[in-house]
Each structure stands twice: as C-alpha cells, then as structure tokens.
Amino acid sequence: MVRTIEQQVAEAQAKLARLKTRAKAQDTRRKIIVGAIVTGEALKDPKIAKWLASTLRKNATREVDQKELAGLLADLDAKAKIAGAGEA
C-alpha cells in the first residue's frame, strides 16, 4: 500500500515525538541518579553539605522549590555546622 506524503510526515513526526519522550526520560533518570549521589555524599561530608546548601539556596528561586527543599536544607545545615566547628 502506498502512503501519501502527509502520512509519511505524520509517521515521522510521531516517531520523533517518541524519541523526544525517551530522551527526556533518560535525562530525568540521570538527574535523579546524580541528585541521589550528591545528596548522599553531602549528608556524609560537611564541606560538601555546605556547598550543596549554598548552591541550592542560590539556584532554587521558586517558592514551591524552596518549600520542597526545606527539610533537606535543614539536614545540610546541620551537617555543615560540623565543618564550621572543626575549622574553629
């Protein structure tokens, strides 16, 4: 069966949409993995905790994001105080 040019274009657009969805899912998975690793290390190392808390405060500018991060920031601040106490 011969497909019209319009059908071929529609199929190509559908395939492109599927590939974009797959790429976005892969990017999201990478971000989750990196975030989990960095957060885990920050909760173990006071210097990383201090850096991550500062970075999150600087870059998480939306109120909804700040609320979501409040508990983590409290944990990071507590860990970072260990670094401050060790430097004194």
PDB file of N, CA and C in Angstrom:
ATOM      1  N   MET A   1       0.837  -1.181   0.000  1.00  0.00           N
ATOM      2  CA  MET A   1       0.000   0.000   0.000  1.00  0.00           C
ATOM      3  C   MET A   1       0.884   1.247   0.000  1.00  0.00           C
ATOM      4  N   VAL A   2       0.579   2.151  -0.854  1.00  0.00           N
ATOM      5  CA  VAL A   2       1.355   3.373  -0.992  1.00  0.00           C
ATOM      6  C   VAL A   2       0.842   4.401   0.018  1.00  0.00           C
ATOM      7  N   ARG A   3       1.789   4.975   0.753  1.00  0.00           N
ATOM      8  CA  ARG A   3       1.432   6.000   1.735  1.00  0.00           C
ATOM      9  C   ARG A   3       1.625   7.371   1.109  1.00  0.00           C
ATOM     10  N   THR A   4       0.744   8.267   1.458  1.00  0.00           N
ATOM     11  CA  THR A   4       0.879   9.628   0.939  1.00  0.00           C
ATOM     12  C   THR A   4       2.016  10.334   1.672  1.00  0.00           C
ATOM     13  N   ILE A   5       2.431  11.423   1.108  1.00  0.00           N
ATOM     14  CA  ILE A   5       3.481  12.216   1.743  1.00  0.00           C
ATOM     15  C   ILE A   5       3.012  12.674   3.118  1.00  0.00           C
ATOM     16  N   GLU A   6       1.753  13.065   3.232  1.00  0.00           N
ATOM     17  CA  GLU A   6       1.210  13.505   4.516  1.00  0.00           C
ATOM     18  C   GLU A   6       1.278  12.385   5.556  1.00  0.00           C
ATOM     19  N   GLN A   7       0.980  11.160   5.130  1.00  0.00           N
ATOM     20  CA  GLN A   7       1.053  10.022   6.051  1.00  0.00           C
ATOM     21  C   GLN A   7       2.492   9.775   6.495  1.00  0.00           C
ATOM     22  N   GLN A   8       3.414   9.873   5.550  1.00  0.00           N
ATOM     23  CA  GLN A   8       4.816   9.670   5.882  1.00  0.00           C
ATOM     24  C   GLN A   8       5.304  10.749   6.853  1.00  0.00           C
ATOM     25  N   VAL A   9       4.889  11.982   6.623  1.00  0.00           N
ATOM     26  CA  VAL A   9       5.265  13.076   7.520  1.00  0.00           C
ATOM     27  C   VAL A   9       4.684  12.829   8.906  1.00  0.00           C
ATOM     28  N   ALA A  10       3.429  12.419   8.978  1.00  0.00           N
ATOM     29  CA  ALA A  10       2.784  12.156  10.267  1.00  0.00           C
ATOM     30  C   ALA A  10       3.499  11.032  11.009  1.00  0.00           C
ATOM     31  N   GLU A  11       3.888   9.983  10.296  1.00  0.00           N
ATOM     32  CA  GLU A  11       4.615   8.875  10.925  1.00  0.00           C
ATOM     33  C   GLU A  11       5.975   9.341  11.438  1.00  0.00           C
ATOM     34  N   ALA A  12       6.661  10.157  10.646  1.00  0.00           N
ATOM     35  CA  ALA A  12       7.971  10.668  11.064  1.00  0.00           C
ATOM     36  C   ALA A  12       7.820  11.574  12.288  1.00  0.00           C
ATOM     37  N   GLN A  13       6.782  12.387  12.309  1.00  0.00           N
ATOM     38  CA  GLN A  13       6.552  13.261  13.462  1.00  0.00           C
ATOM     39  C   GLN A  13       6.227  12.443  14.711  1.00  0.00           C
ATOM     40  N   ALA A  14       5.458  11.382  14.545  1.00  0.00           N
ATOM     41  CA  ALA A  14       5.127  10.521  15.683  1.00  0.00           C
ATOM     42  C   ALA A  14       6.382   9.835  16.214  1.00  0.00           C
ATOM     43  N   LYS A  15       7.238   9.375  15.298  1.00  0.00           N
ATOM     44  CA  LYS A  15       8.483   8.734  15.724  1.00  0.00           C
ATOM     45  C   LYS A  15       9.376   9.741  16.451  1.00  0.00           C
ATOM     46  N   LEU A  16       9.466  10.951  15.929  1.00  0.00           N
ATOM     47  CA  LEU A  16      10.262  11.994  16.573  1.00  0.00           C
ATOM     48  C   LEU A  16       9.727  12.289  17.976  1.00  0.00           C
ATOM     49  N   ALA A  17       8.421  12.348  18.117  1.00  0.00           N
ATOM     50  CA  ALA A  17       7.822  12.602  19.431  1.00  0.00           C
ATOM     51  C   ALA A  17       8.169  11.480  20.406  1.00  0.00           C
ATOM     52  N   ARG A  18       8.129  10.232  19.938  1.00  0.00           N
ATOM     53  CA  ARG A  18       8.500   9.097  20.804  1.00  0.00           C
ATOM     54  C   ARG A  18       9.963   9.184  21.213  1.00  0.00           C
ATOM     55  N   LEU A  19      10.839   9.530  20.282  1.00  0.00           N
ATOM     56  CA  LEU A  19      12.265   9.650  20.593  1.00  0.00           C
ATOM     57  C   LEU A  19      12.525  10.794  21.575  1.00  0.00           C
ATOM     58  N   LYS A  20      11.829  11.903  21.419  1.00  0.00           N
ATOM     59  CA  LYS A  20      11.987  13.024  22.355  1.00  0.00           C
ATOM     60  C   LYS A  20      11.524  12.627  23.751  1.00  0.00           C
ATOM     61  N   THR A  21      10.431  11.872  23.824  1.00  0.00           N
ATOM     62  CA  THR A  21       9.929  11.403  25.121  1.00  0.00           C
ATOM     63  C   THR A  21      10.942  10.482  25.774  1.00  0.00           C
ATOM     64  N   ARG A  22      11.529   9.584  24.994  1.00  0.00           N
ATOM     65  CA  ARG A  22      12.538   8.666  25.531  1.00  0.00           C
ATOM     66  C   ARG A  22      13.775   9.425  26.003  1.00  0.00           C
ATOM     67  N   ALA A  23      14.215  10.417  25.241  1.00  0.00           N
ATOM     68  CA  ALA A  23      15.390  11.211  25.629  1.00  0.00           C
ATOM     69  C   ALA A  23      15.119  11.978  26.920  1.00  0.00           C
ATOM     70  N   LYS A  24      13.924  12.524  27.056  1.00  0.00           N
ATOM     71  CA  LYS A  24      13.574  13.257  28.277  1.00  0.00           C
ATOM     72  C   LYS A  24      13.561  12.314  29.475  1.00  0.00           C
ATOM     73  N   ALA A  25      13.043  11.107  29.293  1.00  0.00           N
ATOM     74  CA  ALA A  25      13.024  10.126  30.386  1.00  0.00           C
ATOM     75  C   ALA A  25      14.447   9.754  30.800  1.00  0.00           C
ATOM     76  N   GLN A  26      15.337   9.572  29.829  1.00  0.00           N
ATOM     77  CA  GLN A  26      16.732   9.250  30.143  1.00  0.00           C
ATOM     78  C   GLN A  26      17.387  10.399  30.903  1.00  0.00           C
ATOM     79  N   ASP A  27      17.125  11.626  30.478  1.00  0.00           N
ATOM     80  CA  ASP A  27      17.687  12.794  31.157  1.00  0.00           C
ATOM     81  C   ASP A  27      17.176  12.876  32.593  1.00  0.00           C
ATOM     82  N   THR A  28      15.899  12.619  32.780  1.00  0.00           N
ATOM     83  CA  THR A  28      15.316  12.645  34.123  1.00  0.00           C
ATOM     84  C   THR A  28      15.955  11.587  35.009  1.00  0.00           C
ATOM     85  N   ARG A  29      16.139  10.381  34.484  1.00  0.00           N
ATOM     86  CA  ARG A  29      16.788   9.314  35.267  1.00  0.00           C
ATOM     87  C   ARG A  29      18.203   9.710  35.662  1.00  0.00           C
ATOM     88  N   ARG A  30      18.954  10.296  34.732  1.00  0.00           N
ATOM     89  CA  ARG A  30      20.322  10.743  35.047  1.00  0.00           C
ATOM     90  C   ARG A  30      20.308  11.782  36.162  1.00  0.00           C
ATOM     91  N   LYS A  31      19.391  12.725  36.089  1.00  0.00           N
ATOM     92  CA  LYS A  31      19.304  13.765  37.118  1.00  0.00           C
ATOM     93  C   LYS A  31      18.966  13.163  38.479  1.00  0.00           C
ATOM     94  N   ILE A  32      18.082  12.190  38.496  1.00  0.00           N
ATOM     95  CA  ILE A  32      17.725  11.536  39.757  1.00  0.00           C
ATOM     96  C   ILE A  32      18.935  10.818  40.342  1.00  0.00           C
ATOM     97  N   ILE A  33      19.661  10.099  39.508  1.00  0.00           N
ATOM     98  CA  ILE A  33      20.840   9.360  39.973  1.00  0.00           C
ATOM     99  C   ILE A  33      21.897  10.323  40.505  1.00  0.00           C
ATOM    100  N   VAL A  34      22.207  11.362  39.736  1.00  0.00           N
ATOM    101  CA  VAL A  34      23.217  12.335  40.166  1.00  0.00           C
ATOM    102  C   VAL A  34      22.770  13.025  41.449  1.00  0.00           C
ATOM    103  N   GLY A  35      21.507  13.415  41.509  1.00  0.00           N
ATOM    104  CA  GLY A  35      20.990  14.066  42.708  1.00  0.00           C
ATOM    105  C   GLY A  35      21.095  13.186  43.940  1.00  0.00           C
ATOM    106  N   ALA A  36      20.777  11.908  43.777  1.00  0.00           N
ATOM    107  CA  ALA A  36      20.862  10.982  44.906  1.00  0.00           C
ATOM    108  C   ALA A  36      22.306  10.814  45.377  1.00  0.00           C
ATOM    109  N   ILE A  37      23.226  10.711  44.434  1.00  0.00           N
ATOM    110  CA  ILE A  37      24.636  10.542  44.793  1.00  0.00           C
ATOM    111  C   ILE A  37      25.172  11.794  45.491  1.00  0.00           C
ATOM    112  N   VAL A  38      24.910  12.965  44.916  1.00  0.00           N
ATOM    113  CA  VAL A  38      25.415  14.210  45.500  1.00  0.00           C
ATOM    114  C   VAL A  38      24.796  14.441  46.880  1.00  0.00           C
ATOM    115  N   THR A  39      23.493  14.216  47.006  1.00  0.00           N
ATOM    116  CA  THR A  39      22.833  14.390  48.300  1.00  0.00           C
ATOM    117  C   THR A  39      23.407  13.431  49.330  1.00  0.00           C
ATOM    118  N   GLY A  40      23.601  12.190  48.941  1.00  0.00           N
ATOM    119  CA  GLY A  40      24.170  11.206  49.862  1.00  0.00           C
ATOM    120  C   GLY A  40      25.550  11.597  50.345  1.00  0.00           C
ATOM    121  N   GLU A  41      26.382  12.056  49.437  1.00  0.00           N
ATOM    122  CA  GLU A  41      27.732  12.482  49.819  1.00  0.00           C
ATOM    123  C   GLU A  41      27.686  13.731  50.694  1.00  0.00           C
ATOM    124  N   ALA A  42      26.776  14.648  50.380  1.00  0.00           N
ATOM    125  CA  ALA A  42      26.670  15.876  51.173  1.00  0.00           C
ATOM    126  C   ALA A  42      26.243  15.577  52.603  1.00  0.00           C
ATOM    127  N   LEU A  43      25.414  14.577  52.780  1.00  0.00           N
ATOM    128  CA  LEU A  43      24.969  14.232  54.128  1.00  0.00           C
ATOM    129  C   LEU A  43      26.046  13.493  54.918  1.00  0.00           C
ATOM    130  N   LYS A  44      27.128  13.109  54.237  1.00  0.00           N
ATOM    131  CA  LYS A  44      28.260  12.461  54.907  1.00  0.00           C
ATOM    132  C   LYS A  44      29.422  13.420  55.135  1.00  0.00           C
ATOM    133  N   ASP A  45      29.580  14.400  54.257  1.00  0.00           N
ATOM    134  CA  ASP A  45      30.752  15.277  54.274  1.00  0.00           C
ATOM    135  C   ASP A  45      30.327  16.726  54.529  1.00  0.00           C
ATOM    136  N   PRO A  46      30.742  17.310  55.640  1.00  0.00           N
ATOM    137  CA  PRO A  46      30.320  18.679  55.976  1.00  0.00           C
ATOM    138  C   PRO A  46      30.668  19.723  54.915  1.00  0.00           C
ATOM    139  N   LYS A  47      31.812  19.590  54.265  1.00  0.00           N
ATOM    140  CA  LYS A  47      32.193  20.574  53.246  1.00  0.00           C
ATOM    141  C   LYS A  47      31.266  20.500  52.040  1.00  0.00           C
ATOM    142  N   ILE A  48      30.936  19.282  51.630  1.00  0.00           N
ATOM    143  CA  ILE A  48      30.000  19.119  50.511  1.00  0.00           C
ATOM    144  C   ILE A  48      28.618  19.602  50.933  1.00  0.00           C
ATOM    145  N   ALA A  49      28.236  19.348  52.179  1.00  0.00           N
ATOM    146  CA  ALA A  49      26.938  19.806  52.687  1.00  0.00           C
ATOM    147  C   ALA A  49      26.838  21.325  52.604  1.00  0.00           C
ATOM    148  N   LYS A  50      27.895  21.996  53.006  1.00  0.00           N
ATOM    149  CA  LYS A  50      27.910  23.465  52.970  1.00  0.00           C
ATOM    150  C   LYS A  50      27.783  23.962  51.536  1.00  0.00           C
ATOM    151  N   TRP A  51      28.533  23.355  50.628  1.00  0.00           N
ATOM    152  CA  TRP A  51      28.473  23.742  49.218  1.00  0.00           C
ATOM    153  C   TRP A  51      27.087  23.491  48.635  1.00  0.00           C
ATOM    154  N   LEU A  52      26.526  22.316  48.895  1.00  0.00           N
ATOM    155  CA  LEU A  52      25.228  21.978  48.313  1.00  0.00           C
ATOM    156  C   LEU A  52      24.130  22.885  48.862  1.00  0.00           C
ATOM    157  N   ALA A  53      24.145  23.148  50.157  1.00  0.00           N
ATOM    158  CA  ALA A  53      23.140  24.041  50.742  1.00  0.00           C
ATOM    159  C   ALA A  53      23.222  25.428  50.102  1.00  0.00           C
ATOM    160  N   SER A  54      24.424  25.927  49.950  1.00  0.00           N
ATOM    161  CA  SER A  54      24.619  27.238  49.330  1.00  0.00           C
ATOM    162  C   SER A  54      24.143  27.236  47.878  1.00  0.00           C
ATOM    163  N   THR A  55      24.488  26.207  47.156  1.00  0.00           N
ATOM    164  CA  THR A  55      24.104  26.094  45.749  1.00  0.00           C
ATOM    165  C   THR A  55      22.590  25.995  45.593  1.00  0.00           C
ATOM    166  N   LEU A  56      21.957  25.208  46.450  1.00  0.00           N
ATOM    167  CA  LEU A  56      20.500  25.076  46.373  1.00  0.00           C
ATOM    168  C   LEU A  56      19.812  26.400  46.698  1.00  0.00           C
ATOM    169  N   ARG A  57      20.289  27.083  47.712  1.00  0.00           N
ATOM    170  CA  ARG A  57      19.676  28.374  48.076  1.00  0.00           C
ATOM    171  C   ARG A  57      19.833  29.398  46.941  1.00  0.00           C
ATOM    172  N   LYS A  58      20.963  29.353  46.277  1.00  0.00           N
ATOM    173  CA  LYS A  58      21.229  30.299  45.194  1.00  0.00           C
ATOM    174  C   LYS A  58      20.365  30.011  43.965  1.00  0.00           C
ATOM    175  N   ASN A  59      20.144  28.736  43.668  1.00  0.00           N
ATOM    176  CA  ASN A  59      19.503  28.367  42.408  1.00  0.00           C
ATOM    177  C   ASN A  59      18.034  27.979  42.505  1.00  0.00           C
ATOM    178  N   ALA A  60      17.576  27.590  43.663  1.00  0.00           N
ATOM    179  CA  ALA A  60      16.160  27.228  43.820  1.00  0.00           C
ATOM    180  C   ALA A  60      15.396  28.495  44.182  1.00  0.00           C
ATOM    181  N   THR A  61      14.966  29.220  43.171  1.00  0.00           N
ATOM    182  CA  THR A  61      14.363  30.529  43.402  1.00  0.00           C
ATOM    183  C   THR A  61      12.841  30.486  43.487  1.00  0.00           C
ATOM    184  N   ARG A  62      12.224  29.439  42.979  1.00  0.00           N
ATOM    185  CA  ARG A  62      10.758  29.348  43.065  1.00  0.00           C
ATOM    186  C   ARG A  62      10.347  28.953  44.476  1.00  0.00           C
ATOM    187  N   GLU A  63       9.306  29.580  44.969  1.00  0.00           N
ATOM    188  CA  GLU A  63       8.845  29.322  46.334  1.00  0.00           C
ATOM    189  C   GLU A  63       8.485  27.850  46.536  1.00  0.00           C
ATOM    190  N   VAL A  64       7.858  27.246  45.545  1.00  0.00           N
ATOM    191  CA  VAL A  64       7.470  25.840  45.665  1.00  0.00           C
ATOM    192  C   VAL A  64       8.704  24.945  45.796  1.00  0.00           C
ATOM    193  N   ASP A  65       9.776  25.271  45.088  1.00  0.00           N
ATOM    194  CA  ASP A  65      11.018  24.503  45.188  1.00  0.00           C
ATOM    195  C   ASP A  65      11.670  24.705  46.551  1.00  0.00           C
ATOM    196  N   GLN A  66      11.659  25.933  47.031  1.00  0.00           N
ATOM    197  CA  GLN A  66      12.243  26.224  48.343  1.00  0.00           C
ATOM    198  C   GLN A  66      11.519  25.458  49.443  1.00  0.00           C
ATOM    199  N   LYS A  67      10.194  25.391  49.351  1.00  0.00           N
ATOM    200  CA  LYS A  67       9.426  24.634  50.348  1.00  0.00           C
ATOM    201  C   LYS A  67       9.768  23.150  50.279  1.00  0.00           C
ATOM    202  N   GLU A  68       9.912  22.632  49.074  1.00  0.00           N
ATOM    203  CA  GLU A  68      10.234  21.215  48.894  1.00  0.00           C
ATOM    204  C   GLU A  68      11.613  20.882  49.458  1.00  0.00           C
ATOM    205  N   LEU A  69      12.531  21.824  49.391  1.00  0.00           N
ATOM    206  CA  LEU A  69      13.909  21.598  49.833  1.00  0.00           C
ATOM    207  C   LEU A  69      14.155  21.948  51.296  1.00  0.00           C
ATOM    208  N   ALA A  70      13.165  22.483  51.991  1.00  0.00           N
ATOM    209  CA  ALA A  70      13.360  22.973  53.360  1.00  0.00           C
ATOM    210  C   ALA A  70      13.942  21.905  54.288  1.00  0.00           C
ATOM    211  N   GLY A  71      13.404  20.712  54.260  1.00  0.00           N
ATOM    212  CA  GLY A  71      13.902  19.650  55.135  1.00  0.00           C
ATOM    213  C   GLY A  71      15.333  19.253  54.806  1.00  0.00           C
ATOM    214  N   LEU A  72      15.619  19.121  53.518  1.00  0.00           N
ATOM    215  CA  LEU A  72      16.977  18.778  53.100  1.00  0.00           C
ATOM    216  C   LEU A  72      17.950  19.882  53.499  1.00  0.00           C
ATOM    217  N   LEU A  73      17.560  21.131  53.305  1.00  0.00           N
ATOM    218  CA  LEU A  73      18.445  22.238  53.679  1.00  0.00           C
ATOM    219  C   LEU A  73      18.733  22.240  55.175  1.00  0.00           C
ATOM    220  N   ALA A  74      17.738  21.909  55.975  1.00  0.00           N
ATOM    221  CA  ALA A  74      17.961  21.829  57.427  1.00  0.00           C
ATOM    222  C   ALA A  74      18.979  20.734  57.744  1.00  0.00           C
ATOM    223  N   ASP A  75      18.851  19.584  57.079  1.00  0.00           N
ATOM    224  CA  ASP A  75      19.808  18.488  57.288  1.00  0.00           C
ATOM    225  C   ASP A  75      21.209  18.889  56.833  1.00  0.00           C
ATOM    226  N   LEU A  76      21.291  19.566  55.688  1.00  0.00           N
ATOM    227  CA  LEU A  76      22.594  20.002  55.175  1.00  0.00           C
ATOM    228  C   LEU A  76      23.221  21.047  56.093  1.00  0.00           C
ATOM    229  N   ASP A  77      22.401  21.972  56.587  1.00  0.00           N
ATOM    230  CA  ASP A  77      22.919  22.990  57.511  1.00  0.00           C
ATOM    231  C   ASP A  77      23.469  22.346  58.778  1.00  0.00           C
ATOM    232  N   ALA A  78      22.760  21.347  59.285  1.00  0.00           N
ATOM    233  CA  ALA A  78      23.224  20.651  60.492  1.00  0.00           C
ATOM    234  C   ALA A  78      24.560  19.968  60.222  1.00  0.00           C
ATOM    235  N   LYS A  79      24.684  19.346  59.059  1.00  0.00           N
ATOM    236  CA  LYS A  79      25.938  18.679  58.703  1.00  0.00           C
ATOM    237  C   LYS A  79      27.043  19.711  58.479  1.00  0.00           C
ATOM    238  N   ALA A  80      26.722  20.834  57.844  1.00  0.00           N
ATOM    239  CA  ALA A  80      27.723  21.868  57.560  1.00  0.00           C
ATOM    240  C   ALA A  80      28.256  22.501  58.839  1.00  0.00           C
ATOM    241  N   LYS A  81      27.453  22.546  59.890  1.00  0.00           N
ATOM    242  CA  LYS A  81      27.917  23.108  61.163  1.00  0.00           C
ATOM    243  C   LYS A  81      29.081  22.306  61.720  1.00  0.00           C
ATOM    244  N   ILE A  82      29.120  21.027  61.405  1.00  0.00           N
ATOM    245  CA  ILE A  82      30.242  20.189  61.832  1.00  0.00           C
ATOM    246  C   ILE A  82      31.529  20.715  61.193  1.00  0.00           C
ATOM    247  N   ALA A  83      31.451  21.121  59.926  1.00  0.00           N
ATOM    248  CA  ALA A  83      32.626  21.672  59.242  1.00  0.00           C
ATOM    249  C   ALA A  83      33.037  22.980  59.892  1.00  0.00           C
ATOM    250  N   GLY A  84      32.057  23.825  60.219  1.00  0.00           N
ATOM    251  CA  GLY A  84      32.360  25.103  60.864  1.00  0.00           C
ATOM    252  C   GLY A  84      32.976  24.916  62.230  1.00  0.00           C
ATOM    253  N   ALA A  85      32.496  23.935  62.983  1.00  0.00           N
ATOM    254  CA  ALA A  85      33.041  23.668  64.320  1.00  0.00           C
ATOM    255  C   ALA A  85      34.458  23.114  64.221  1.00  0.00           C
ATOM    256  N   GLY A  86      34.717  22.341  63.178  1.00  0.00           N
ATOM    257  CA  GLY A  86      36.045  21.761  63.011  1.00  0.00           C
ATOM    258  C   GLY A  86      37.080  22.778  62.588  1.00  0.00           C
ATOM    259  N   GLU A  87      36.638  23.870  61.956  1.00  0.00           N
ATOM    260  CA  GLU A  87      37.569  24.886  61.473  1.00  0.00           C
ATOM    261  C   GLU A  87      37.931  25.892  62.554  1.00  0.00           C
ATOM    262  N   ALA A  88      37.125  25.968  63.589  1.00  0.00           N
ATOM    263  CA  ALA A  88      37.352  26.983  64.635  1.00  0.00           C
ATOM    264  C   ALA A  88      38.554  26.671  65.482  1.00  0.00           C
TER     265      ALA A  88
END
